[in-house]
Amino acid sequence: MQLTEESAKVFAISQLFGGARHLTEEECEALRNLSSEKFRSKLLKE
């Protein structure tokens, strides 16, 4: 139930800012290249 509630909050807040939108491939790649994302990915592989 907690995941559903958190998802509803994210959806509601996104509506306040004009609604959700999909990231472009360039935006996804920029996130993948962040040092924090590389660190997180490394931890998941261990």
C-alpha atoms as a PDB file:
ATOM      1  CA  MET A   1       0.000   0.000   0.000  1.00  0.00           C
ATOM      2  CA  GLN A   2       2.886   2.367   0.712  1.00  0.00           C
ATOM      3  CA  LEU A   3       4.109   2.197  -2.903  1.00  0.00           C
ATOM      4  CA  THR A   4       0.624   3.075  -4.145  1.00  0.00           C
ATOM      5  CA  GLU A   5       0.438   6.054  -1.809  1.00  0.00           C
ATOM      6  CA  GLU A   6       3.879   7.313  -2.818  1.00  0.00           C
ATOM      7  CA  SER A   7       3.009   6.924  -6.507  1.00  0.00           C
ATOM      8  CA  ALA A   8      -0.192   8.904  -5.979  1.00  0.00           C
ATOM      9  CA  LYS A   9       1.770  11.691  -4.276  1.00  0.00           C
ATOM     10  CA  VAL A  10       4.282  11.865  -7.128  1.00  0.00           C
ATOM     11  CA  PHE A  11       1.453  11.951  -9.668  1.00  0.00           C
ATOM     12  CA  ALA A  12      -0.447  14.658  -7.795  1.00  0.00           C
ATOM     13  CA  ILE A  13       2.621  16.858  -7.393  1.00  0.00           C
ATOM     14  CA  SER A  14       3.600  16.408 -11.037  1.00  0.00           C
ATOM     15  CA  GLN A  15       0.159  17.681 -12.022  1.00  0.00           C
ATOM     16  CA  LEU A  16       0.904  20.918 -10.163  1.00  0.00           C
ATOM     17  CA  PHE A  17       3.872  21.426 -12.495  1.00  0.00           C
ATOM     18  CA  GLY A  18       2.059  20.662 -15.722  1.00  0.00           C
ATOM     19  CA  GLY A  19       1.968  16.869 -15.618  1.00  0.00           C
ATOM     20  CA  ALA A  20       4.462  14.112 -16.088  1.00  0.00           C
ATOM     21  CA  ARG A  21       6.556  13.824 -19.224  1.00  0.00           C
ATOM     22  CA  HIS A  22       8.909  11.200 -20.562  1.00  0.00           C
ATOM     23  CA  LEU A  23      12.619  11.890 -20.561  1.00  0.00           C
ATOM     24  CA  THR A  24      14.398  12.141 -23.882  1.00  0.00           C
ATOM     25  CA  GLU A  25      17.178   9.681 -24.653  1.00  0.00           C
ATOM     26  CA  GLU A  26      19.692  12.491 -24.089  1.00  0.00           C
ATOM     27  CA  GLU A  27      18.250  13.192 -20.633  1.00  0.00           C
ATOM     28  CA  CYS A  28      18.347   9.483 -19.755  1.00  0.00           C
ATOM     29  CA  GLU A  29      21.955   9.251 -20.876  1.00  0.00           C
ATOM     30  CA  ALA A  30      22.880  12.313 -18.823  1.00  0.00           C
ATOM     31  CA  LEU A  31      21.395  10.645 -15.735  1.00  0.00           C
ATOM     32  CA  ARG A  32      23.214   7.386 -16.465  1.00  0.00           C
ATOM     33  CA  ASN A  33      26.504   9.284 -16.642  1.00  0.00           C
ATOM     34  CA  LEU A  34      26.190  10.954 -13.245  1.00  0.00           C
ATOM     35  CA  SER A  35      28.847   9.778 -10.816  1.00  0.00           C
ATOM     36  CA  SER A  36      26.158   9.084  -8.210  1.00  0.00           C
ATOM     37  CA  GLU A  37      24.306   6.839 -10.671  1.00  0.00           C
ATOM     38  CA  LYS A  38      27.487   4.954 -11.548  1.00  0.00           C
ATOM     39  CA  PHE A  39      28.085   4.408  -7.815  1.00  0.00           C
ATOM     40  CA  ARG A  40      24.493   3.211  -7.271  1.00  0.00           C
ATOM     41  CA  SER A  41      24.677   0.859 -10.235  1.00  0.00           C
ATOM     42  CA  LYS A  42      27.957  -0.586  -8.950  1.00  0.00           C
ATOM     43  CA  LEU A  43      26.376  -1.279  -5.552  1.00  0.00           C
ATOM     44  CA  LEU A  44      23.445  -3.090  -7.182  1.00  0.00           C
ATOM     45  CA  LYS A  45      25.773  -5.383  -9.118  1.00  0.00           C
ATOM     46  CA  GLU A  46      27.575  -6.542  -5.939  1.00  0.00           C
END
